[in-house]
Amino acid sequence: MSRDRADTGSARRESIQRGPNPPSVDTEASRSVWHARWALIRRELQSLRSEKTIILAIAIQLFIAAFSSFLVVGLVSMYDPSAIEGQERAIAVTGEDTDELAAVASQQDGLGVDRYDDRADAHAAFEEGQVDAVLDANRDDEGRLVVRTTVPDEGLQTTVLVVQLREALETLEYTERIANADRLAEQPLSVPEAIEASPYAGFTYTILLPLLLFLPAFISGSMVVDSLAEERQRGTLELLRVAPLSFVDVVDAKLVATAVLAPIQAAVWLALLAVNGTAIAQPFALVGLVAALSVLVAAVGAGVALYAPERRQSQLLYSVGIVGTLVVSTALPEHPANTVAKFATGSATATSWLALAGYGIAAAFTLLALRWYVDRLEPESL
């Protein structure tokens, strides 16, 4: 009797040992899938070394972020030459009504005024290089002041000079409007007085910083388009499924490998800007914004690459889609560039936080839509 009981107990132990153990099997399968995903992600990251265009784009961004304090000075001078001290351009003012023009131009930073009674003498001085521009001011039959400007041919110095002259002429136009205000049938709206502000801060937060943060996201989308389109052309998408991965897992791994680079780059660029003296008030919000945009753009790029039959078509569709999105973004309550500037300067409003949340929700929705689309695709048809 006891022997029978022992045999029964051993049989039970054997049955338990030989029987299925779902938690252990699921754990091993889960580990195998995650190892396969990680291997595919590493493969994608290693393949980026051969993408010279991507490496060059990252190197350019690195250079801009690392030397932003030097580059801003030169770039600001392109649209605000008054920010550079010690540079003065000589201009010739001639014509029948030069008093107001000469008075305004002489007050413009970076401009030196030389009056000429004879137009021919003014243009002769311009041809000889004694002056950099000629402004000919005259009144028409209706009493309006008309200024004809002569500047050198195209070039960097001409661009800076044109910006300076434009500011002087805008000031002259404002002066003329004030002088002729009594001719208006209705009183115009009052314009607030201009305040002094640093042109470097404006350029850095409204142009340079959004450029450095948005470019990585757009490049991530372009990379996933190239990766999937190249796999389709080579016919290697099916080979990737030899690993214990579904087609959805393959696309997810490629998406992660490209989308994760953008927030990493953004964090590095923000750190370099801080080293160069550019204060960033809310860096984590900015990195989160870039991460959301990167996932959103990369998911769209993956969908385009799986839809378009050829690499060239997929890149064209992706580029057109990005340009169209940038145009549509101007209709948003707050432009993405303004959101970046507000987070960077610490002046974020409720609209800014709602925009950040909206980008995150849009990224999650687009990712789920991509997974739904991929799950219903037949890999053999690609």
Protein backbone atom coordinates (compact mmCIF):
# COMPACT_ATOMS: atom_id res chain seq x y z
CA MET A 1 0.00 0.00 0.00
CA SER A 2 2.76 2.43 0.92
CA ARG A 3 4.66 1.47 -2.23
CA ASP A 4 1.61 2.23 -4.32
CA ARG A 5 1.28 5.58 -2.63
CA ALA A 6 4.96 6.37 -3.29
CA ASP A 7 4.57 5.38 -6.93
CA THR A 8 1.52 7.56 -7.20
CA GLY A 9 3.33 10.51 -5.60
CA SER A 10 6.32 10.14 -7.94
CA ALA A 11 3.99 9.88 -10.90
CA ARG A 12 2.32 13.06 -9.81
CA ARG A 13 5.69 14.80 -9.46
CA GLU A 14 6.67 13.58 -12.92
CA SER A 15 3.42 14.79 -14.35
CA ILE A 16 3.93 18.16 -12.71
CA GLN A 17 7.51 18.41 -13.95
CA ARG A 18 6.65 17.23 -17.43
CA GLY A 19 3.48 19.24 -17.64
CA PRO A 20 3.32 22.76 -19.13
CA ASN A 21 4.36 25.72 -17.02
CA PRO A 22 2.67 28.75 -18.66
CA PRO A 23 4.39 31.50 -16.62
CA SER A 24 7.85 30.14 -17.44
CA VAL A 25 7.07 29.65 -21.12
CA ASP A 26 5.56 33.11 -21.46
CA THR A 27 8.55 34.64 -19.71
CA GLU A 28 11.01 32.92 -22.00
CA ALA A 29 9.01 33.88 -25.09
CA SER A 30 8.76 37.46 -23.87
CA ARG A 31 12.50 37.61 -23.31
CA SER A 32 13.13 36.18 -26.75
CA VAL A 33 10.91 38.78 -28.39
CA TRP A 34 12.52 41.64 -26.48
CA HIS A 35 16.00 40.37 -27.37
CA ALA A 36 14.98 40.21 -31.01
CA ARG A 37 13.55 43.73 -30.88
CA TRP A 38 16.68 45.08 -29.24
CA ALA A 39 18.85 43.33 -31.84
CA LEU A 40 16.83 44.92 -34.64
CA ILE A 41 17.05 48.35 -32.97
CA ARG A 42 20.84 48.00 -32.69
CA ARG A 43 20.99 46.95 -36.31
CA GLU A 44 19.10 50.07 -37.35
CA LEU A 45 21.30 52.35 -35.25
CA GLN A 46 24.47 50.78 -36.63
CA SER A 47 23.23 51.20 -40.19
CA LEU A 48 23.03 54.97 -39.63
CA ARG A 49 26.82 55.13 -39.79
CA SER A 50 26.65 54.58 -43.52
CA GLU A 51 24.08 57.35 -44.02
CA LYS A 52 26.42 60.22 -44.83
CA THR A 53 23.59 62.70 -45.35
CA ILE A 54 22.16 62.02 -41.89
CA ILE A 55 25.58 62.22 -40.24
CA LEU A 56 26.29 65.50 -42.03
CA ALA A 57 22.95 66.98 -40.93
CA ILE A 58 23.64 66.00 -37.31
CA ALA A 59 27.17 67.41 -37.54
CA ILE A 60 25.83 70.74 -38.83
CA GLN A 61 23.32 70.93 -35.99
CA LEU A 62 26.07 70.08 -33.52
CA PHE A 63 28.23 72.88 -34.89
CA ILE A 64 25.37 75.38 -34.69
CA ALA A 65 24.49 74.43 -31.13
CA ALA A 66 28.11 74.32 -29.95
CA PHE A 67 29.04 77.70 -31.41
CA SER A 68 25.65 79.41 -31.18
CA SER A 69 27.01 82.42 -29.30
CA PHE A 70 29.33 83.22 -32.23
CA LEU A 71 26.92 82.36 -35.03
CA VAL A 72 24.07 84.42 -33.60
CA VAL A 73 26.10 87.61 -33.92
CA GLY A 74 26.65 87.07 -37.65
CA LEU A 75 23.15 85.81 -38.36
CA VAL A 76 21.46 88.62 -36.45
CA SER A 77 23.35 91.14 -38.56
CA MET A 78 21.50 89.81 -41.61
CA TYR A 79 18.15 91.13 -40.41
CA ASP A 80 19.21 93.60 -37.71
CA PRO A 81 22.50 95.24 -38.73
CA SER A 82 22.14 97.84 -35.97
CA ALA A 83 23.07 95.10 -33.53
CA ILE A 84 26.67 95.38 -34.76
CA GLU A 85 28.48 98.43 -33.54
CA GLY A 86 31.24 100.25 -35.39
CA GLN A 87 29.99 99.48 -38.92
CA GLU A 88 28.80 102.57 -40.78
CA ARG A 89 27.66 102.85 -44.40
CA ALA A 90 27.92 106.11 -46.31
CA ILE A 91 24.82 106.95 -48.35
CA ALA A 92 24.23 109.84 -50.75
CA VAL A 93 20.96 111.75 -50.34
CA THR A 94 19.89 113.85 -53.29
CA GLY A 95 16.74 115.21 -54.92
CA GLU A 96 14.32 118.08 -54.50
CA ASP A 97 13.06 117.18 -50.99
CA THR A 98 15.87 115.72 -48.89
CA ASP A 99 15.38 117.33 -45.47
CA GLU A 100 13.13 114.69 -43.91
CA LEU A 101 15.00 111.79 -45.51
CA ALA A 102 18.39 113.10 -44.40
CA ALA A 103 17.12 113.67 -40.86
CA VAL A 104 15.72 110.16 -40.57
CA ALA A 105 18.71 108.43 -42.19
CA SER A 106 21.19 110.27 -39.97
CA GLN A 107 19.43 108.86 -36.91
CA GLN A 108 19.58 105.31 -38.24
CA ASP A 109 22.37 103.27 -36.65
CA GLY A 110 25.07 102.28 -39.12
CA LEU A 111 24.25 104.94 -41.74
CA GLY A 112 26.22 108.07 -42.54
CA VAL A 113 24.51 110.73 -44.71
CA ASP A 114 26.23 112.80 -47.42
CA ARG A 115 24.05 115.36 -49.21
CA TYR A 116 24.46 116.06 -52.93
CA ASP A 117 22.69 118.88 -54.73
CA ASP A 118 23.35 117.31 -58.12
CA ARG A 119 22.08 113.81 -58.87
CA ALA A 120 24.90 113.23 -61.33
CA ASP A 121 27.48 113.93 -58.62
CA ALA A 122 25.74 111.52 -56.25
CA HIS A 123 25.75 108.71 -58.79
CA ALA A 124 29.35 109.47 -59.75
CA ALA A 125 30.34 109.10 -56.08
CA PHE A 126 28.46 105.80 -56.00
CA GLU A 127 30.28 104.50 -59.08
CA GLU A 128 33.62 105.49 -57.58
CA GLY A 129 32.84 103.71 -54.30
CA GLN A 130 32.75 106.87 -52.18
CA VAL A 131 29.19 106.08 -51.05
CA ASP A 132 27.42 102.71 -50.72
CA ALA A 133 23.96 103.79 -51.91
CA VAL A 134 22.07 106.69 -53.48
CA LEU A 135 18.66 107.86 -52.23
CA ASP A 136 16.83 110.25 -54.56
CA ALA A 137 13.86 111.93 -52.77
CA ASN A 138 11.21 113.92 -54.66
CA ARG A 139 7.56 114.91 -54.31
CA ASP A 140 5.01 113.80 -56.90
CA ASP A 141 2.04 115.82 -58.12
CA GLU A 142 -0.11 114.69 -55.18
CA GLY A 143 2.47 115.72 -52.60
CA ARG A 144 3.65 112.21 -51.76
CA LEU A 145 7.33 111.69 -51.07
CA VAL A 146 8.90 109.20 -53.50
CA VAL A 147 12.36 107.78 -52.79
CA ARG A 148 14.34 105.93 -55.47
CA THR A 149 17.20 103.87 -54.10
CA THR A 150 20.33 102.66 -55.88
CA VAL A 151 22.40 99.92 -54.22
CA PRO A 152 25.24 97.62 -55.40
CA ASP A 153 24.69 94.26 -57.04
CA GLU A 154 23.71 91.22 -55.01
CA GLY A 155 26.03 90.23 -52.21
CA LEU A 156 26.25 89.86 -48.46
CA GLN A 157 27.08 93.54 -47.91
CA THR A 158 24.18 94.56 -50.13
CA THR A 159 21.80 92.41 -48.07
CA VAL A 160 22.87 94.11 -44.85
CA LEU A 161 22.66 97.55 -46.50
CA VAL A 162 19.16 96.90 -47.84
CA VAL A 163 17.96 95.95 -44.37
CA GLN A 164 19.37 99.19 -42.96
CA LEU A 165 17.79 101.28 -45.70
CA ARG A 166 14.47 99.51 -45.27
CA GLU A 167 14.38 100.42 -41.60
CA ALA A 168 15.20 104.05 -42.42
CA LEU A 169 12.49 104.21 -45.08
CA GLU A 170 9.94 102.63 -42.76
CA THR A 171 10.74 105.31 -40.19
CA LEU A 172 10.36 107.96 -42.90
CA GLU A 173 7.00 106.50 -43.90
CA TYR A 174 5.82 106.64 -40.30
CA THR A 175 6.95 110.25 -40.04
CA GLU A 176 5.05 111.12 -43.22
CA ARG A 177 1.90 109.44 -41.92
CA ILE A 178 2.07 111.40 -38.69
CA ALA A 179 2.59 114.65 -40.60
CA ASN A 180 -0.43 113.96 -42.81
CA ALA A 181 -2.69 112.65 -40.06
CA ASP A 182 -5.00 115.67 -40.37
CA ARG A 183 -6.00 114.49 -43.85
CA LEU A 184 -7.49 111.27 -42.53
CA ALA A 185 -11.27 110.98 -42.41
CA GLU A 186 -11.07 108.76 -39.30
CA GLN A 187 -8.59 108.55 -36.44
CA PRO A 188 -6.36 105.46 -36.86
CA LEU A 189 -5.65 103.01 -34.06
CA SER A 190 -2.96 104.06 -31.63
CA VAL A 191 0.31 102.17 -32.00
CA PRO A 192 2.20 101.28 -28.80
CA GLU A 193 5.65 102.73 -28.44
CA ALA A 194 8.59 100.53 -29.35
CA ILE A 195 10.61 99.04 -26.50
CA GLU A 196 14.29 98.25 -26.38
CA ALA A 197 15.00 94.52 -26.68
CA SER A 198 18.04 92.42 -27.47
CA PRO A 199 18.00 91.24 -31.09
CA TYR A 200 20.17 88.28 -30.09
CA ALA A 201 17.54 86.95 -27.68
CA GLY A 202 14.79 87.32 -30.26
CA PHE A 203 16.76 85.48 -32.93
CA THR A 204 17.90 82.72 -30.57
CA TYR A 205 14.50 81.88 -29.09
CA THR A 206 12.30 82.40 -32.14
CA ILE A 207 14.51 81.10 -34.96
CA LEU A 208 17.61 79.22 -33.83
CA LEU A 209 16.07 77.16 -31.02
CA PRO A 210 12.97 75.99 -32.97
CA LEU A 211 15.25 75.11 -35.90
CA LEU A 212 17.50 72.94 -33.70
CA LEU A 213 14.53 71.19 -32.09
CA PHE A 214 12.34 70.57 -35.13
CA LEU A 215 15.04 69.36 -37.52
CA PRO A 216 15.83 66.16 -35.54
CA ALA A 217 12.16 65.20 -35.60
CA PHE A 218 11.87 65.72 -39.34
CA ILE A 219 15.11 63.82 -39.94
CA SER A 220 13.79 60.91 -37.85
CA GLY A 221 10.78 60.65 -40.12
CA SER A 222 12.99 60.73 -43.19
CA MET A 223 15.20 57.98 -41.76
CA VAL A 224 12.32 55.60 -41.10
CA VAL A 225 11.02 56.23 -44.63
CA ASP A 226 14.42 55.38 -46.08
CA SER A 227 14.83 52.31 -43.88
CA LEU A 228 11.47 50.72 -44.70
CA ALA A 229 11.61 51.68 -48.38
CA GLU A 230 15.09 50.16 -48.69
CA GLU A 231 13.96 46.94 -46.98
CA ARG A 232 11.06 46.75 -49.44
CA GLN A 233 13.29 47.23 -52.46
CA ARG A 234 15.77 44.60 -51.28
CA GLY A 235 13.01 42.19 -50.30
CA THR A 236 14.45 41.73 -46.81
CA LEU A 237 11.34 42.59 -44.79
CA GLU A 238 10.28 38.94 -44.91
CA LEU A 239 13.74 37.84 -43.74
CA LEU A 240 13.43 40.00 -40.63
CA ARG A 241 10.42 37.91 -39.62
CA VAL A 242 12.64 34.83 -39.25
CA ALA A 243 13.28 36.17 -35.77
CA PRO A 244 10.47 35.64 -33.25
CA LEU A 245 8.91 38.92 -34.27
CA SER A 246 5.66 39.82 -35.92
CA PHE A 247 5.55 42.38 -38.73
CA VAL A 248 4.19 44.91 -36.23
CA ASP A 249 7.21 44.26 -34.00
CA VAL A 250 9.58 44.84 -36.92
CA VAL A 251 8.00 48.20 -37.76
CA ASP A 252 7.95 49.15 -34.07
CA ALA A 253 11.66 48.42 -33.73
CA LYS A 254 12.50 50.57 -36.73
CA LEU A 255 10.27 53.33 -35.38
CA VAL A 256 11.92 53.27 -31.97
CA ALA A 257 15.42 53.25 -33.45
CA THR A 258 14.76 56.45 -35.39
CA ALA A 259 12.33 58.31 -33.13
CA VAL A 260 14.50 57.99 -30.03
CA LEU A 261 17.33 59.94 -31.64
CA ALA A 262 15.41 63.23 -31.84
CA PRO A 263 14.84 63.80 -28.09
CA ILE A 264 18.43 62.74 -27.39
CA GLN A 265 19.69 65.29 -29.90
CA ALA A 266 17.34 67.92 -28.46
CA ALA A 267 18.71 67.35 -24.96
CA VAL A 268 22.29 67.68 -26.24
CA TRP A 269 21.49 70.84 -28.22
CA LEU A 270 19.80 72.42 -25.17
CA ALA A 271 22.81 71.59 -23.02
CA LEU A 272 25.18 73.15 -25.55
CA LEU A 273 23.02 76.26 -25.79
CA ALA A 274 23.09 76.55 -22.01
CA VAL A 275 26.88 76.29 -22.07
CA ASN A 276 26.92 79.14 -24.60
CA GLY A 277 24.90 81.34 -22.26
CA THR A 278 21.38 80.76 -23.60
CA ALA A 279 19.09 80.16 -20.64
CA ILE A 280 16.46 77.43 -21.09
CA ALA A 281 13.68 77.74 -18.52
CA GLN A 282 11.84 74.43 -19.10
CA PRO A 283 14.13 71.95 -20.89
CA PHE A 284 12.09 68.87 -19.94
CA ALA A 285 8.97 70.27 -21.56
CA LEU A 286 10.96 70.99 -24.72
CA VAL A 287 12.44 67.48 -24.81
CA GLY A 288 8.95 66.06 -24.30
CA LEU A 289 7.65 68.21 -27.14
CA VAL A 290 10.39 66.96 -29.46
CA ALA A 291 9.74 63.35 -28.42
CA ALA A 292 6.03 63.70 -29.23
CA LEU A 293 6.72 65.32 -32.59
CA SER A 294 9.37 62.70 -33.39
CA VAL A 295 6.98 59.80 -32.73
CA LEU A 296 4.25 61.57 -34.69
CA VAL A 297 6.45 62.30 -37.71
CA ALA A 298 8.17 58.90 -37.66
CA ALA A 299 4.83 57.08 -37.50
CA VAL A 300 3.56 59.08 -40.46
CA GLY A 301 6.80 58.35 -42.33
CA ALA A 302 6.48 54.62 -41.66
CA GLY A 303 2.93 54.61 -42.96
CA VAL A 304 3.99 56.47 -46.09
CA ALA A 305 6.89 54.07 -46.71
CA LEU A 306 4.58 51.05 -46.42
CA TYR A 307 1.99 52.64 -48.70
CA ALA A 308 4.18 54.01 -51.50
CA PRO A 309 5.64 51.34 -53.78
CA GLU A 310 8.99 53.05 -54.41
CA ARG A 311 11.55 54.88 -52.33
CA ARG A 312 11.43 58.04 -54.41
CA GLN A 313 7.66 58.24 -54.18
CA SER A 314 7.66 57.66 -50.44
CA GLN A 315 10.20 60.44 -49.86
CA LEU A 316 8.21 62.78 -52.09
CA LEU A 317 4.96 62.04 -50.26
CA TYR A 318 6.68 62.46 -46.91
CA SER A 319 8.24 65.79 -47.90
CA VAL A 320 4.97 67.13 -49.30
CA GLY A 321 3.18 66.02 -46.16
CA ILE A 322 5.69 67.79 -43.90
CA VAL A 323 5.45 71.01 -45.91
CA GLY A 324 1.66 70.81 -45.85
CA THR A 325 1.72 70.25 -42.08
CA LEU A 326 3.92 73.31 -41.59
CA VAL A 327 1.45 75.39 -43.59
CA VAL A 328 -1.52 74.05 -41.63
CA SER A 329 0.28 74.69 -38.32
CA THR A 330 0.01 78.43 -38.94
CA ALA A 331 -3.72 78.10 -38.29
CA LEU A 332 -3.21 76.59 -34.82
CA PRO A 333 -4.04 78.71 -31.77
CA GLU A 334 -0.31 78.75 -31.05
CA HIS A 335 2.38 78.04 -33.64
CA PRO A 336 4.82 75.28 -32.61
CA ALA A 337 7.74 77.72 -32.86
CA ASN A 338 5.96 80.06 -30.44
CA THR A 339 5.36 77.14 -28.09
CA VAL A 340 9.08 76.36 -28.11
CA ALA A 341 9.99 80.00 -27.48
CA LYS A 342 7.55 80.27 -24.56
CA PHE A 343 8.82 77.12 -22.88
CA ALA A 344 12.42 78.24 -23.37
CA THR A 345 11.84 81.70 -21.91
CA GLY A 346 9.64 80.51 -19.05
CA SER A 347 6.54 82.31 -20.30
CA ALA A 348 4.43 79.26 -21.19
CA THR A 349 0.68 79.80 -20.99
CA ALA A 350 -2.22 77.39 -20.64
CA THR A 351 -2.37 77.25 -24.43
CA SER A 352 1.28 76.16 -24.53
CA TRP A 353 0.67 73.27 -22.14
CA LEU A 354 -2.47 72.28 -24.01
CA ALA A 355 -0.48 72.30 -27.25
CA LEU A 356 2.14 70.01 -25.66
CA ALA A 357 -0.59 67.64 -24.49
CA GLY A 358 -2.19 67.77 -27.92
CA TYR A 359 1.04 66.79 -29.64
CA GLY A 360 1.41 63.87 -27.25
CA ILE A 361 -2.14 62.67 -27.88
CA ALA A 362 -1.70 63.07 -31.64
CA ALA A 363 1.53 61.03 -31.48
CA ALA A 364 -0.16 58.23 -29.50
CA PHE A 365 -3.16 58.17 -31.83
CA THR A 366 -0.94 58.10 -34.94
CA LEU A 367 1.16 55.28 -33.48
CA LEU A 368 -1.93 53.20 -32.69
CA ALA A 369 -3.30 53.88 -36.18
CA LEU A 370 0.01 52.74 -37.71
CA ARG A 371 -0.01 49.52 -35.69
CA TRP A 372 -3.61 48.86 -36.78
CA TYR A 373 -2.64 49.44 -40.40
CA VAL A 374 0.49 47.27 -40.22
CA ASP A 375 -1.38 44.44 -38.48
CA ARG A 376 -3.71 44.20 -41.48
CA LEU A 377 -0.96 44.25 -44.08
CA GLU A 378 0.31 41.15 -45.80
CA PRO A 379 4.13 41.31 -45.66
CA GLU A 380 4.35 39.09 -48.74
CA SER A 381 2.56 41.80 -50.77
CA LEU A 382 5.19 44.44 -50.02
